[in-house]
Amino acid sequence: MSSRIEESAENRIGNLSDKCIANFLVKSATGLGVGVLTSVILFKRRTWPIQLFTGFGAGYAYSDCNRLFNPLAS
């Protein structure tokens, strides 16, 4: 008998979804922070750098999530 307990498909999908949500929140918040700093320091408090860097973070999180669910696609 193996000492490792078999993981069900529902648990695996749930764990991957949790990782995706956590990655999305962290990467989007990081992008938001970089955007705010860039906006304040370089662009006289314009809003487009905030939106741009938040979008970069969200896109990177989406790419990571796609790679988690489809490991052969990368």
N, C-alpha and C. Protein backbone atom coordinates (compact mmCIF):
# COMPACT_ATOMS: atom_id res chain seq x y z
N MET A 1 0.83 -1.19 0.00
CA MET A 1 0.00 0.00 0.00
C MET A 1 0.87 1.24 0.00
N SER A 2 0.41 2.21 -0.70
CA SER A 2 1.17 3.46 -0.72
C SER A 2 0.80 4.31 0.48
N SER A 3 1.76 5.07 0.92
CA SER A 3 1.51 5.92 2.08
C SER A 3 0.80 7.22 1.67
N ARG A 4 0.79 7.48 0.39
CA ARG A 4 0.14 8.69 -0.09
C ARG A 4 -1.32 8.41 -0.42
N ILE A 5 -2.19 9.27 0.01
CA ILE A 5 -3.62 9.13 -0.26
C ILE A 5 -3.89 9.66 -1.66
N GLU A 6 -4.65 8.91 -2.43
CA GLU A 6 -5.00 9.33 -3.78
C GLU A 6 -5.85 10.60 -3.72
N GLU A 7 -5.54 11.51 -4.60
CA GLU A 7 -6.27 12.77 -4.65
C GLU A 7 -7.38 12.66 -5.69
N SER A 8 -8.59 13.02 -5.29
CA SER A 8 -9.71 12.94 -6.23
C SER A 8 -9.65 14.09 -7.23
N ALA A 9 -10.35 13.91 -8.34
CA ALA A 9 -10.35 14.93 -9.39
C ALA A 9 -10.97 16.24 -8.90
N GLU A 10 -11.99 16.14 -8.06
CA GLU A 10 -12.63 17.35 -7.54
C GLU A 10 -11.66 18.14 -6.67
N ASN A 11 -10.91 17.43 -5.83
CA ASN A 11 -9.95 18.11 -4.97
C ASN A 11 -8.83 18.74 -5.79
N ARG A 12 -8.40 18.05 -6.83
CA ARG A 12 -7.32 18.58 -7.67
C ARG A 12 -7.78 19.84 -8.39
N ILE A 13 -8.98 19.81 -8.95
CA ILE A 13 -9.51 21.00 -9.63
C ILE A 13 -9.72 22.14 -8.63
N GLY A 14 -10.20 21.82 -7.45
CA GLY A 14 -10.37 22.84 -6.42
C GLY A 14 -9.06 23.47 -6.01
N ASN A 15 -8.02 22.65 -5.84
CA ASN A 15 -6.71 23.18 -5.47
C ASN A 15 -6.13 24.05 -6.58
N LEU A 16 -6.29 23.62 -7.83
CA LEU A 16 -5.80 24.43 -8.95
C LEU A 16 -6.56 25.74 -9.06
N SER A 17 -7.86 25.70 -8.82
CA SER A 17 -8.66 26.93 -8.86
C SER A 17 -8.24 27.89 -7.76
N ASP A 18 -7.97 27.35 -6.57
CA ASP A 18 -7.50 28.19 -5.47
C ASP A 18 -6.17 28.85 -5.81
N LYS A 19 -5.27 28.10 -6.43
CA LYS A 19 -3.98 28.66 -6.83
C LYS A 19 -4.18 29.76 -7.87
N CYS A 20 -5.10 29.53 -8.80
CA CYS A 20 -5.36 30.53 -9.84
C CYS A 20 -5.90 31.83 -9.24
N ILE A 21 -6.83 31.71 -8.33
CA ILE A 21 -7.41 32.90 -7.71
C ILE A 21 -6.37 33.64 -6.89
N ALA A 22 -5.56 32.90 -6.14
CA ALA A 22 -4.51 33.54 -5.34
C ALA A 22 -3.49 34.23 -6.24
N ASN A 23 -3.08 33.56 -7.33
CA ASN A 23 -2.15 34.18 -8.27
C ASN A 23 -2.74 35.43 -8.89
N PHE A 24 -4.03 35.37 -9.25
CA PHE A 24 -4.68 36.53 -9.85
C PHE A 24 -4.67 37.72 -8.89
N LEU A 25 -5.02 37.47 -7.64
CA LEU A 25 -5.07 38.56 -6.67
C LEU A 25 -3.68 39.15 -6.42
N VAL A 26 -2.69 38.29 -6.25
CA VAL A 26 -1.34 38.77 -5.95
C VAL A 26 -0.75 39.52 -7.14
N LYS A 27 -0.86 38.96 -8.32
CA LYS A 27 -0.25 39.58 -9.49
C LYS A 27 -0.98 40.86 -9.90
N SER A 28 -2.29 40.88 -9.76
CA SER A 28 -3.03 42.11 -10.07
C SER A 28 -2.71 43.21 -9.07
N ALA A 29 -2.60 42.85 -7.80
CA ALA A 29 -2.25 43.84 -6.78
C ALA A 29 -0.83 44.36 -6.98
N THR A 30 0.08 43.49 -7.38
CA THR A 30 1.44 43.93 -7.68
C THR A 30 1.44 44.88 -8.87
N GLY A 31 0.69 44.54 -9.91
CA GLY A 31 0.58 45.43 -11.06
C GLY A 31 -0.05 46.76 -10.69
N LEU A 32 -1.04 46.72 -9.81
CA LEU A 32 -1.68 47.95 -9.35
C LEU A 32 -0.67 48.83 -8.62
N GLY A 33 0.13 48.21 -7.75
CA GLY A 33 1.14 48.98 -7.01
C GLY A 33 2.19 49.58 -7.92
N VAL A 34 2.66 48.80 -8.88
CA VAL A 34 3.65 49.32 -9.84
C VAL A 34 3.02 50.44 -10.67
N GLY A 35 1.77 50.27 -11.05
CA GLY A 35 1.09 51.30 -11.82
C GLY A 35 0.92 52.60 -11.04
N VAL A 36 0.58 52.49 -9.77
CA VAL A 36 0.42 53.68 -8.94
C VAL A 36 1.76 54.40 -8.79
N LEU A 37 2.81 53.64 -8.51
CA LEU A 37 4.13 54.26 -8.37
C LEU A 37 4.58 54.91 -9.67
N THR A 38 4.38 54.23 -10.78
CA THR A 38 4.75 54.79 -12.08
C THR A 38 3.94 56.04 -12.38
N SER A 39 2.67 55.99 -12.07
CA SER A 39 1.80 57.13 -12.32
C SER A 39 2.22 58.34 -11.50
N VAL A 40 2.53 58.12 -10.24
CA VAL A 40 2.89 59.24 -9.37
C VAL A 40 4.26 59.80 -9.72
N ILE A 41 5.22 58.91 -9.99
CA ILE A 41 6.59 59.36 -10.20
C ILE A 41 6.81 59.92 -11.61
N LEU A 42 6.29 59.24 -12.61
CA LEU A 42 6.65 59.60 -13.99
C LEU A 42 5.58 60.35 -14.78
N PHE A 43 4.32 60.11 -14.52
CA PHE A 43 3.28 60.59 -15.43
C PHE A 43 2.28 61.56 -14.80
N LYS A 44 2.67 62.30 -13.82
CA LYS A 44 1.85 63.36 -13.23
C LYS A 44 0.44 62.89 -12.86
N ARG A 45 0.38 61.75 -12.22
CA ARG A 45 -0.86 61.19 -11.67
C ARG A 45 -1.93 60.90 -12.72
N ARG A 46 -1.53 60.42 -13.85
CA ARG A 46 -2.49 59.97 -14.86
C ARG A 46 -2.95 58.56 -14.50
N THR A 47 -4.09 58.15 -15.02
CA THR A 47 -4.63 56.85 -14.63
C THR A 47 -4.24 55.72 -15.57
N TRP A 48 -3.78 56.02 -16.78
CA TRP A 48 -3.52 54.93 -17.72
C TRP A 48 -2.39 54.00 -17.28
N PRO A 49 -1.33 54.45 -16.58
CA PRO A 49 -0.33 53.47 -16.14
C PRO A 49 -0.89 52.48 -15.11
N ILE A 50 -1.81 52.94 -14.29
CA ILE A 50 -2.42 52.05 -13.30
C ILE A 50 -3.21 50.96 -14.00
N GLN A 51 -4.01 51.34 -14.97
CA GLN A 51 -4.79 50.36 -15.72
C GLN A 51 -3.90 49.42 -16.52
N LEU A 52 -2.86 49.95 -17.12
CA LEU A 52 -1.96 49.15 -17.94
C LEU A 52 -1.25 48.08 -17.12
N PHE A 53 -0.65 48.48 -16.00
CA PHE A 53 0.11 47.52 -15.20
C PHE A 53 -0.81 46.53 -14.47
N THR A 54 -2.01 46.97 -14.09
CA THR A 54 -2.96 46.02 -13.52
C THR A 54 -3.37 44.99 -14.56
N GLY A 55 -3.55 45.42 -15.79
CA GLY A 55 -3.86 44.50 -16.88
C GLY A 55 -2.72 43.55 -17.16
N PHE A 56 -1.48 44.04 -17.09
CA PHE A 56 -0.32 43.16 -17.26
C PHE A 56 -0.31 42.07 -16.19
N GLY A 57 -0.57 42.45 -14.94
CA GLY A 57 -0.60 41.48 -13.85
C GLY A 57 -1.71 40.46 -14.02
N ALA A 58 -2.88 40.93 -14.42
CA ALA A 58 -4.01 40.01 -14.63
C ALA A 58 -3.74 39.08 -15.80
N GLY A 59 -3.13 39.58 -16.86
CA GLY A 59 -2.81 38.74 -18.01
C GLY A 59 -1.77 37.69 -17.68
N TYR A 60 -0.78 38.07 -16.89
CA TYR A 60 0.24 37.11 -16.48
C TYR A 60 -0.38 36.03 -15.59
N ALA A 61 -1.31 36.42 -14.71
CA ALA A 61 -1.99 35.44 -13.86
C ALA A 61 -2.85 34.51 -14.71
N TYR A 62 -3.50 35.04 -15.72
CA TYR A 62 -4.31 34.21 -16.62
C TYR A 62 -3.43 33.20 -17.35
N SER A 63 -2.26 33.64 -17.79
CA SER A 63 -1.33 32.74 -18.47
C SER A 63 -0.85 31.63 -17.53
N ASP A 64 -0.55 31.98 -16.28
CA ASP A 64 -0.14 30.97 -15.30
C ASP A 64 -1.27 29.98 -15.03
N CYS A 65 -2.49 30.47 -14.95
CA CYS A 65 -3.64 29.60 -14.71
C CYS A 65 -3.85 28.65 -15.89
N ASN A 66 -3.69 29.15 -17.08
CA ASN A 66 -3.81 28.30 -18.26
C ASN A 66 -2.74 27.21 -18.24
N ARG A 67 -1.54 27.56 -17.82
CA ARG A 67 -0.45 26.60 -17.73
C ARG A 67 -0.71 25.57 -16.63
N LEU A 68 -1.37 25.97 -15.55
CA LEU A 68 -1.69 25.01 -14.49
C LEU A 68 -2.72 23.98 -14.95
N PHE A 69 -3.75 24.44 -15.65
CA PHE A 69 -4.81 23.53 -16.07
C PHE A 69 -4.45 22.73 -17.32
N ASN A 70 -3.58 23.26 -18.17
CA ASN A 70 -3.16 22.57 -19.39
C ASN A 70 -1.64 22.48 -19.43
N PRO A 71 -1.05 21.55 -18.72
CA PRO A 71 0.42 21.50 -18.67
C PRO A 71 1.06 21.19 -20.01
N LEU A 72 0.35 20.53 -20.92
CA LEU A 72 0.92 20.21 -22.23
C LEU A 72 0.84 21.38 -23.20
N ALA A 73 0.05 22.40 -22.88
CA ALA A 73 -0.11 23.55 -23.76
C ALA A 73 1.11 24.47 -23.74
N SER A 74 1.92 24.38 -22.72
CA SER A 74 3.08 25.27 -22.63
C SER A 74 4.22 24.67 -23.39
